[in-house]
PDB file of N, CA and C in Angstrom:
ATOM      1  N   MET A   1     -46.885  88.098 -14.559  1.00  0.00           N
ATOM      2  CA  MET A   1     -47.897  89.121 -14.715  1.00  0.00           C
ATOM      3  C   MET A   1     -47.680  89.831 -16.051  1.00  0.00           C
ATOM      4  N   ALA A   2     -48.765  90.126 -16.741  1.00  0.00           N
ATOM      5  CA  ALA A   2     -48.692  90.804 -18.037  1.00  0.00           C
ATOM      6  C   ALA A   2     -48.957  92.299 -17.873  1.00  0.00           C
ATOM      7  N   HIS A   3     -48.243  93.076 -18.656  1.00  0.00           N
ATOM      8  CA  HIS A   3     -48.383  94.528 -18.641  1.00  0.00           C
ATOM      9  C   HIS A   3     -48.688  94.986 -20.057  1.00  0.00           C
ATOM     10  N   LYS A   4     -49.600  95.919 -20.179  1.00  0.00           N
ATOM     11  CA  LYS A   4     -49.972  96.450 -21.488  1.00  0.00           C
ATOM     12  C   LYS A   4     -49.058  97.625 -21.840  1.00  0.00           C
ATOM     13  N   ILE A   5     -48.634  97.674 -23.097  1.00  0.00           N
ATOM     14  CA  ILE A   5     -47.844  98.808 -23.591  1.00  0.00           C
ATOM     15  C   ILE A   5     -48.843  99.894 -23.963  1.00  0.00           C
ATOM     16  N   ILE A   6     -48.779 101.032 -23.256  1.00  0.00           N
ATOM     17  CA  ILE A   6     -49.742 102.103 -23.505  1.00  0.00           C
ATOM     18  C   ILE A   6     -49.182 103.206 -24.390  1.00  0.00           C
ATOM     19  N   ASP A   7     -47.859 103.239 -24.551  1.00  0.00           N
ATOM     20  CA  ASP A   7     -47.249 104.232 -25.431  1.00  0.00           C
ATOM     21  C   ASP A   7     -45.886 103.720 -25.853  1.00  0.00           C
ATOM     22  N   LEU A   8     -45.387 104.261 -26.946  1.00  0.00           N
ATOM     23  CA  LEU A   8     -44.105 103.882 -27.507  1.00  0.00           C
ATOM     24  C   LEU A   8     -43.443 105.170 -27.964  1.00  0.00           C
ATOM     25  N   ILE A   9     -42.259 105.441 -27.464  1.00  0.00           N
ATOM     26  CA  ILE A   9     -41.554 106.679 -27.824  1.00  0.00           C
ATOM     27  C   ILE A   9     -40.330 106.324 -28.652  1.00  0.00           C
ATOM     28  N   GLU A  10     -40.296 106.871 -29.864  1.00  0.00           N
ATOM     29  CA  GLU A  10     -39.163 106.659 -30.747  1.00  0.00           C
ATOM     30  C   GLU A  10     -38.367 107.959 -30.844  1.00  0.00           C
ATOM     31  N   PRO A  11     -37.039 107.863 -30.837  1.00  0.00           N
ATOM     32  CA  PRO A  11     -36.230 109.087 -30.932  1.00  0.00           C
ATOM     33  C   PRO A  11     -36.330 109.709 -32.315  1.00  0.00           C
ATOM     34  N   ASP A  12     -36.253 111.034 -32.354  1.00  0.00           N
ATOM     35  CA  ASP A  12     -36.237 111.757 -33.617  1.00  0.00           C
ATOM     36  C   ASP A  12     -34.833 112.318 -33.785  1.00  0.00           C
ATOM     37  N   ASN A  13     -34.040 111.658 -34.595  1.00  0.00           N
ATOM     38  CA  ASN A  13     -32.664 112.104 -34.793  1.00  0.00           C
ATOM     39  C   ASN A  13     -32.528 113.078 -35.955  1.00  0.00           C
ATOM     40  N   GLY A  14     -33.649 113.534 -36.460  1.00  0.00           N
ATOM     41  CA  GLY A  14     -33.629 114.535 -37.522  1.00  0.00           C
ATOM     42  C   GLY A  14     -32.880 114.067 -38.752  1.00  0.00           C
ATOM     43  N   CYS A  15     -32.365 115.015 -39.509  1.00  0.00           N
ATOM     44  CA  CYS A  15     -31.686 114.673 -40.761  1.00  0.00           C
ATOM     45  C   CYS A  15     -30.311 114.044 -40.518  1.00  0.00           C
ATOM     46  N   GLU A  16     -29.780 114.187 -39.288  1.00  0.00           N
ATOM     47  CA  GLU A  16     -28.471 113.608 -38.985  1.00  0.00           C
ATOM     48  C   GLU A  16     -28.530 112.089 -38.905  1.00  0.00           C
ATOM     49  N   GLY A  17     -29.681 111.552 -38.520  1.00  0.00           N
ATOM     50  CA  GLY A  17     -29.818 110.103 -38.395  1.00  0.00           C
ATOM     51  C   GLY A  17     -29.017 109.566 -37.227  1.00  0.00           C
ATOM     52  N   PHE A  18     -28.603 108.338 -37.338  1.00  0.00           N
ATOM     53  CA  PHE A  18     -27.837 107.690 -36.278  1.00  0.00           C
ATOM     54  C   PHE A  18     -26.378 107.603 -36.678  1.00  0.00           C
ATOM     55  N   LEU A  19     -25.507 107.555 -35.691  1.00  0.00           N
ATOM     56  CA  LEU A  19     -24.085 107.409 -35.943  1.00  0.00           C
ATOM     57  C   LEU A  19     -23.805 106.005 -36.466  1.00  0.00           C
ATOM     58  N   PRO A  20     -22.728 105.835 -37.233  1.00  0.00           N
ATOM     59  CA  PRO A  20     -22.382 104.495 -37.701  1.00  0.00           C
ATOM     60  C   PRO A  20     -22.249 103.532 -36.516  1.00  0.00           C
ATOM     61  N   GLY A  21     -22.906 102.394 -36.608  1.00  0.00           N
ATOM     62  CA  GLY A  21     -22.846 101.403 -35.540  1.00  0.00           C
ATOM     63  C   GLY A  21     -23.842 101.623 -34.419  1.00  0.00           C
ATOM     64  N   GLU A  22     -24.504 102.774 -34.398  1.00  0.00           N
ATOM     65  CA  GLU A  22     -25.489 103.061 -33.356  1.00  0.00           C
ATOM     66  C   GLU A  22     -26.804 102.390 -33.716  1.00  0.00           C
ATOM     67  N   GLU A  23     -27.357 101.642 -32.753  1.00  0.00           N
ATOM     68  CA  GLU A  23     -28.612 100.948 -33.003  1.00  0.00           C
ATOM     69  C   GLU A  23     -29.760 101.735 -32.382  1.00  0.00           C
ATOM     70  N   PRO A  24     -30.813 102.021 -33.167  1.00  0.00           N
ATOM     71  CA  PRO A  24     -31.951 102.785 -32.653  1.00  0.00           C
ATOM     72  C   PRO A  24     -32.637 102.081 -31.483  1.00  0.00           C
ATOM     73  N   MET A  25     -33.089 102.878 -30.523  1.00  0.00           N
ATOM     74  CA  MET A  25     -33.785 102.390 -29.339  1.00  0.00           C
ATOM     75  C   MET A  25     -35.176 103.013 -29.297  1.00  0.00           C
ATOM     76  N   VAL A  26     -36.113 102.328 -28.636  1.00  0.00           N
ATOM     77  CA  VAL A  26     -37.442 102.861 -28.379  1.00  0.00           C
ATOM     78  C   VAL A  26     -37.719 102.713 -26.884  1.00  0.00           C
ATOM     79  N   THR A  27     -38.615 103.527 -26.383  1.00  0.00           N
ATOM     80  CA  THR A  27     -39.019 103.431 -24.986  1.00  0.00           C
ATOM     81  C   THR A  27     -40.456 102.948 -24.941  1.00  0.00           C
ATOM     82  N   LEU A  28     -40.668 101.838 -24.248  1.00  0.00           N
ATOM     83  CA  LEU A  28     -42.003 101.280 -24.067  1.00  0.00           C
ATOM     84  C   LEU A  28     -42.552 101.797 -22.749  1.00  0.00           C
ATOM     85  N   ILE A  29     -43.732 102.388 -22.769  1.00  0.00           N
ATOM     86  CA  ILE A  29     -44.384 102.866 -21.558  1.00  0.00           C
ATOM     87  C   ILE A  29     -45.443 101.829 -21.182  1.00  0.00           C
ATOM     88  N   LEU A  30     -45.293 101.242 -20.001  1.00  0.00           N
ATOM     89  CA  LEU A  30     -46.209 100.200 -19.554  1.00  0.00           C
ATOM     90  C   LEU A  30     -47.323 100.769 -18.695  1.00  0.00           C
ATOM     91  N   ASP A  31     -48.404 100.001 -18.566  1.00  0.00           N
ATOM     92  CA  ASP A  31     -49.563 100.453 -17.800  1.00  0.00           C
ATOM     93  C   ASP A  31     -49.289 100.616 -16.308  1.00  0.00           C
ATOM     94  N   ASP A  32     -48.164 100.098 -15.821  1.00  0.00           N
ATOM     95  CA  ASP A  32     -47.814 100.282 -14.410  1.00  0.00           C
ATOM     96  C   ASP A  32     -46.886 101.485 -14.207  1.00  0.00           C
ATOM     97  N   GLY A  33     -46.666 102.249 -15.293  1.00  0.00           N
ATOM     98  CA  GLY A  33     -45.854 103.460 -15.213  1.00  0.00           C
ATOM     99  C   GLY A  33     -44.389 103.262 -15.550  1.00  0.00           C
ATOM    100  N   ARG A  34     -43.955 102.023 -15.707  1.00  0.00           N
ATOM    101  CA  ARG A  34     -42.548 101.783 -16.046  1.00  0.00           C
ATOM    102  C   ARG A  34     -42.250 102.223 -17.466  1.00  0.00           C
ATOM    103  N   LYS A  35     -41.036 102.700 -17.650  1.00  0.00           N
ATOM    104  CA  LYS A  35     -40.522 103.080 -18.960  1.00  0.00           C
ATOM    105  C   LYS A  35     -39.346 102.163 -19.235  1.00  0.00           C
ATOM    106  N   ILE A  36     -39.465 101.364 -20.289  1.00  0.00           N
ATOM    107  CA  ILE A  36     -38.443 100.373 -20.597  1.00  0.00           C
ATOM    108  C   ILE A  36     -37.841 100.693 -21.956  1.00  0.00           C
ATOM    109  N   LYS A  37     -36.525 100.900 -21.970  1.00  0.00           N
ATOM    110  CA  LYS A  37     -35.827 101.228 -23.213  1.00  0.00           C
ATOM    111  C   LYS A  37     -35.275  99.940 -23.818  1.00  0.00           C
ATOM    112  N   VAL A  38     -35.639  99.678 -25.087  1.00  0.00           N
ATOM    113  CA  VAL A  38     -35.200  98.469 -25.783  1.00  0.00           C
ATOM    114  C   VAL A  38     -34.736  98.833 -27.191  1.00  0.00           C
ATOM    115  N   TYR A  39     -33.964  97.927 -27.782  1.00  0.00           N
ATOM    116  CA  TYR A  39     -33.574  98.131 -29.164  1.00  0.00           C
ATOM    117  C   TYR A  39     -34.810  98.064 -30.045  1.00  0.00           C
ATOM    118  N   ASP A  40     -34.901  98.970 -30.986  1.00  0.00           N
ATOM    119  CA  ASP A  40     -36.030  99.023 -31.916  1.00  0.00           C
ATOM    120  C   ASP A  40     -36.199  97.687 -32.643  1.00  0.00           C
ATOM    121  N   ARG A  41     -35.091  97.081 -33.022  1.00  0.00           N
ATOM    122  CA  ARG A  41     -35.106  95.802 -33.723  1.00  0.00           C
ATOM    123  C   ARG A  41     -35.776  94.720 -32.873  1.00  0.00           C
ATOM    124  N   LEU A  42     -35.468  94.690 -31.572  1.00  0.00           N
ATOM    125  CA  LEU A  42     -36.054  93.707 -30.665  1.00  0.00           C
ATOM    126  C   LEU A  42     -37.563  93.914 -30.541  1.00  0.00           C
ATOM    127  N   ALA A  43     -37.980  95.164 -30.371  1.00  0.00           N
ATOM    128  CA  ALA A  43     -39.413  95.460 -30.261  1.00  0.00           C
ATOM    129  C   ALA A  43     -40.150  95.027 -31.525  1.00  0.00           C
ATOM    130  N   TYR A  44     -39.539  95.265 -32.675  1.00  0.00           N
ATOM    131  CA  TYR A  44     -40.152  94.868 -33.948  1.00  0.00           C
ATOM    132  C   TYR A  44     -40.252  93.349 -34.058  1.00  0.00           C
ATOM    133  N   GLU A  45     -39.149  92.659 -33.729  1.00  0.00           N
ATOM    134  CA  GLU A  45     -39.121  91.195 -33.813  1.00  0.00           C
ATOM    135  C   GLU A  45     -40.149  90.555 -32.880  1.00  0.00           C
ATOM    136  N   LYS A  46     -40.335  91.127 -31.696  1.00  0.00           N
ATOM    137  CA  LYS A  46     -41.253  90.575 -30.695  1.00  0.00           C
ATOM    138  C   LYS A  46     -42.697  91.040 -30.923  1.00  0.00           C
ATOM    139  N   GLY A  47     -42.884  92.028 -31.810  1.00  0.00           N
ATOM    140  CA  GLY A  47     -44.227  92.536 -32.071  1.00  0.00           C
ATOM    141  C   GLY A  47     -44.744  93.447 -30.970  1.00  0.00           C
ATOM    142  N   TRP A  48     -43.820  94.045 -30.217  1.00  0.00           N
ATOM    143  CA  TRP A  48     -44.204  94.935 -29.122  1.00  0.00           C
ATOM    144  C   TRP A  48     -44.587  96.298 -29.681  1.00  0.00           C
ATOM    145  N   ASP A  49     -45.850  96.658 -29.516  1.00  0.00           N
ATOM    146  CA  ASP A  49     -46.376  97.919 -30.015  1.00  0.00           C
ATOM    147  C   ASP A  49     -47.460  98.374 -29.047  1.00  0.00           C
ATOM    148  N   ILE A  50     -47.988  99.550 -29.249  1.00  0.00           N
ATOM    149  CA  ILE A  50     -49.062 100.053 -28.388  1.00  0.00           C
ATOM    150  C   ILE A  50     -50.210  99.045 -28.408  1.00  0.00           C
ATOM    151  N   GLY A  51     -50.659  98.674 -27.202  1.00  0.00           N
ATOM    152  CA  GLY A  51     -51.741  97.712 -27.066  1.00  0.00           C
ATOM    153  C   GLY A  51     -51.260  96.289 -26.839  1.00  0.00           C
ATOM    154  N   SER A  52     -49.981  96.014 -27.130  1.00  0.00           N
ATOM    155  CA  SER A  52     -49.428  94.680 -26.909  1.00  0.00           C
ATOM    156  C   SER A  52     -49.222  94.445 -25.426  1.00  0.00           C
ATOM    157  N   GLU A  53     -49.162  93.165 -25.059  1.00  0.00           N
ATOM    158  CA  GLU A  53     -48.865  92.819 -23.671  1.00  0.00           C
ATOM    159  C   GLU A  53     -47.458  92.273 -23.582  1.00  0.00           C
ATOM    160  N   LEU A  54     -46.814  92.589 -22.473  1.00  0.00           N
ATOM    161  CA  LEU A  54     -45.441  92.203 -22.211  1.00  0.00           C
ATOM    162  C   LEU A  54     -45.409  91.623 -20.808  1.00  0.00           C
ATOM    163  N   SER A  55     -44.975  90.376 -20.688  1.00  0.00           N
ATOM    164  CA  SER A  55     -44.972  89.728 -19.375  1.00  0.00           C
ATOM    165  C   SER A  55     -43.682  90.027 -18.611  1.00  0.00           C
ATOM    166  N   ASP A  56     -43.748  89.837 -17.306  1.00  0.00           N
ATOM    167  CA  ASP A  56     -42.544  89.993 -16.483  1.00  0.00           C
ATOM    168  C   ASP A  56     -41.465  89.018 -16.940  1.00  0.00           C
ATOM    169  N   GLU A  57     -41.875  87.830 -17.379  1.00  0.00           N
ATOM    170  CA  GLU A  57     -40.921  86.825 -17.860  1.00  0.00           C
ATOM    171  C   GLU A  57     -40.200  87.302 -19.117  1.00  0.00           C
ATOM    172  N   GLU A  58     -40.949  87.920 -20.039  1.00  0.00           N
ATOM    173  CA  GLU A  58     -40.328  88.448 -21.265  1.00  0.00           C
ATOM    174  C   GLU A  58     -39.348  89.568 -20.931  1.00  0.00           C
ATOM    175  N   ILE A  59     -39.717  90.399 -19.977  1.00  0.00           N
ATOM    176  CA  ILE A  59     -38.830  91.486 -19.568  1.00  0.00           C
ATOM    177  C   ILE A  59     -37.539  90.902 -19.028  1.00  0.00           C
ATOM    178  N   LYS A  60     -37.661  89.906 -18.178  1.00  0.00           N
ATOM    179  CA  LYS A  60     -36.483  89.269 -17.565  1.00  0.00           C
ATOM    180  C   LYS A  60     -35.651  88.517 -18.613  1.00  0.00           C
ATOM    181  N   GLU A  61     -36.317  87.739 -19.497  1.00  0.00           N
ATOM    182  CA  GLU A  61     -35.629  86.958 -20.515  1.00  0.00           C
ATOM    183  C   GLU A  61     -34.823  87.818 -21.477  1.00  0.00           C
ATOM    184  N   ASN A  62     -35.319  89.010 -21.759  1.00  0.00           N
ATOM    185  CA  ASN A  62     -34.673  89.902 -22.721  1.00  0.00           C
ATOM    186  C   ASN A  62     -33.734  90.910 -22.074  1.00  0.00           C
ATOM    187  N   GLY A  63     -33.506  90.754 -20.779  1.00  0.00           N
ATOM    188  CA  GLY A  63     -32.552  91.614 -20.091  1.00  0.00           C
ATOM    189  C   GLY A  63     -32.949  93.073 -20.021  1.00  0.00           C
ATOM    190  N   ILE A  64     -34.245  93.328 -19.939  1.00  0.00           N
ATOM    191  CA  ILE A  64     -34.715  94.732 -19.892  1.00  0.00           C
ATOM    192  C   ILE A  64     -35.400  95.017 -18.587  1.00  0.00           C
TER     193      ILE A  64
END
């Protein structure tokens, strides 16, 4: 089953940024109400953005 990404929440770490070795995460809000936290790099590589579809298989394959 495919789910549409209806919102994307990115953290605002202000001027401090991220700690050394810390990888930025984003939260994908799906049309079924689920909130899925993934690495920002993964979302970018997969093209996951507002309006994109994400299947249950992709969620399972990516360990999210």
